[in-house]
């Protein structure tokens, strides 16, 4: 399990499974709704995320036809 920090949230590592990976990172000001809306209209969302995420979403048709 990978656990990523969120602003204002705190989760003690002691409550996680021992094989969990705990990642601390700065928040990204983007939501899946923004990406979904753009992708479902065939518009570019590359400026909102990494190349790897764009490739994953595009290759698998994630959000295709989403409302």
C-alpha atoms as a PDB file:
ATOM      1  CA  UNK A   1       0.000   0.000   0.000  1.00  0.00           C
ATOM      2  CA  UNK A   2       1.239   3.483  -0.858  1.00  0.00           C
ATOM      3  CA  UNK A   3       0.077   6.297   1.406  1.00  0.00           C
ATOM      4  CA  UNK A   4       0.451   9.907   0.243  1.00  0.00           C
ATOM      5  CA  UNK A   5       0.147  12.847   2.595  1.00  0.00           C
ATOM      6  CA  UNK A   6      -2.615  15.434   2.199  1.00  0.00           C
ATOM      7  CA  UNK A   7      -2.733  18.990   3.515  1.00  0.00           C
ATOM      8  CA  UNK A   8      -4.240  19.061   6.982  1.00  0.00           C
ATOM      9  CA  UNK A   9      -4.238  15.297   7.267  1.00  0.00           C
ATOM     10  CA  UNK A  10      -2.124  13.246   9.576  1.00  0.00           C
ATOM     11  CA  UNK A  11      -1.999   9.488   9.692  1.00  0.00           C
ATOM     12  CA  UNK A  12       0.326   7.870  12.203  1.00  0.00           C
ATOM     13  CA  UNK A  13       2.597   5.352  10.519  1.00  0.00           C
ATOM     14  CA  UNK A  14       1.815   2.967  13.370  1.00  0.00           C
ATOM     15  CA  UNK A  15      -1.720   2.361  12.023  1.00  0.00           C
ATOM     16  CA  UNK A  16      -0.488   1.362   8.555  1.00  0.00           C
ATOM     17  CA  UNK A  17       0.423  -2.161   7.472  1.00  0.00           C
ATOM     18  CA  UNK A  18       4.130  -2.787   8.029  1.00  0.00           C
ATOM     19  CA  UNK A  19       4.855  -3.093   4.294  1.00  0.00           C
ATOM     20  CA  UNK A  20       3.265   0.280   3.459  1.00  0.00           C
ATOM     21  CA  UNK A  21       5.200   2.947   1.627  1.00  0.00           C
ATOM     22  CA  UNK A  22       4.654   6.406   3.100  1.00  0.00           C
ATOM     23  CA  UNK A  23       5.230   9.277   0.660  1.00  0.00           C
ATOM     24  CA  UNK A  24       5.351  12.900   1.719  1.00  0.00           C
ATOM     25  CA  UNK A  25       4.817  15.346  -1.113  1.00  0.00           C
ATOM     26  CA  UNK A  26       3.675  18.844  -1.850  1.00  0.00           C
ATOM     27  CA  UNK A  27       0.029  19.149  -2.836  1.00  0.00           C
ATOM     28  CA  UNK A  28      -0.865  19.398  -6.510  1.00  0.00           C
ATOM     29  CA  UNK A  29      -3.545  21.944  -7.361  1.00  0.00           C
ATOM     30  CA  UNK A  30      -5.553  19.736  -9.731  1.00  0.00           C
ATOM     31  CA  UNK A  31      -8.507  17.423  -9.332  1.00  0.00           C
ATOM     32  CA  UNK A  32      -9.515  14.283 -11.165  1.00  0.00           C
ATOM     33  CA  UNK A  33     -12.715  16.132 -12.101  1.00  0.00           C
ATOM     34  CA  UNK A  34     -10.703  18.728 -14.029  1.00  0.00           C
ATOM     35  CA  UNK A  35      -8.803  16.030 -15.892  1.00  0.00           C
ATOM     36  CA  UNK A  36     -11.963  13.973 -16.497  1.00  0.00           C
ATOM     37  CA  UNK A  37     -13.835  16.986 -17.910  1.00  0.00           C
ATOM     38  CA  UNK A  38     -11.043  17.863 -20.323  1.00  0.00           C
ATOM     39  CA  UNK A  39     -10.335  14.269 -21.364  1.00  0.00           C
ATOM     40  CA  UNK A  40     -13.994  13.453 -21.986  1.00  0.00           C
ATOM     41  CA  UNK A  41     -14.181  16.418 -24.385  1.00  0.00           C
ATOM     42  CA  UNK A  42     -10.986  15.364 -26.146  1.00  0.00           C
ATOM     43  CA  UNK A  43      -9.108  18.406 -24.846  1.00  0.00           C
ATOM     44  CA  UNK A  44      -5.524  18.364 -23.637  1.00  0.00           C
ATOM     45  CA  UNK A  45      -4.881  18.025 -19.922  1.00  0.00           C
ATOM     46  CA  UNK A  46      -1.114  17.591 -20.273  1.00  0.00           C
ATOM     47  CA  UNK A  47      -0.479  20.899 -18.504  1.00  0.00           C
ATOM     48  CA  UNK A  48      -2.162  19.539 -15.367  1.00  0.00           C
ATOM     49  CA  UNK A  49      -0.169  16.361 -14.774  1.00  0.00           C
ATOM     50  CA  UNK A  50       2.920  14.362 -15.708  1.00  0.00           C
ATOM     51  CA  UNK A  51       3.632  12.739 -19.065  1.00  0.00           C
ATOM     52  CA  UNK A  52       3.325   9.305 -17.453  1.00  0.00           C
ATOM     53  CA  UNK A  53      -0.199  10.054 -16.212  1.00  0.00           C
ATOM     54  CA  UNK A  54      -1.237  11.474 -19.595  1.00  0.00           C
ATOM     55  CA  UNK A  55       0.073   8.338 -21.323  1.00  0.00           C
ATOM     56  CA  UNK A  56      -1.690   6.041 -18.842  1.00  0.00           C
ATOM     57  CA  UNK A  57      -5.051   7.805 -19.212  1.00  0.00           C
ATOM     58  CA  UNK A  58      -4.774   8.035 -22.997  1.00  0.00           C
ATOM     59  CA  UNK A  59      -3.587   4.464 -23.576  1.00  0.00           C
ATOM     60  CA  UNK A  60      -6.334   2.941 -21.447  1.00  0.00           C
ATOM     61  CA  UNK A  61      -9.130   5.265 -22.497  1.00  0.00           C
ATOM     62  CA  UNK A  62      -9.696   6.375 -18.932  1.00  0.00           C
ATOM     63  CA  UNK A  63     -12.468   8.993 -18.814  1.00  0.00           C
ATOM     64  CA  UNK A  64     -13.465   8.320 -22.429  1.00  0.00           C
ATOM     65  CA  UNK A  65     -17.142   9.191 -22.662  1.00  0.00           C
ATOM     66  CA  UNK A  66     -17.268  10.397 -19.049  1.00  0.00           C
ATOM     67  CA  UNK A  67     -19.748  13.108 -18.174  1.00  0.00           C
END
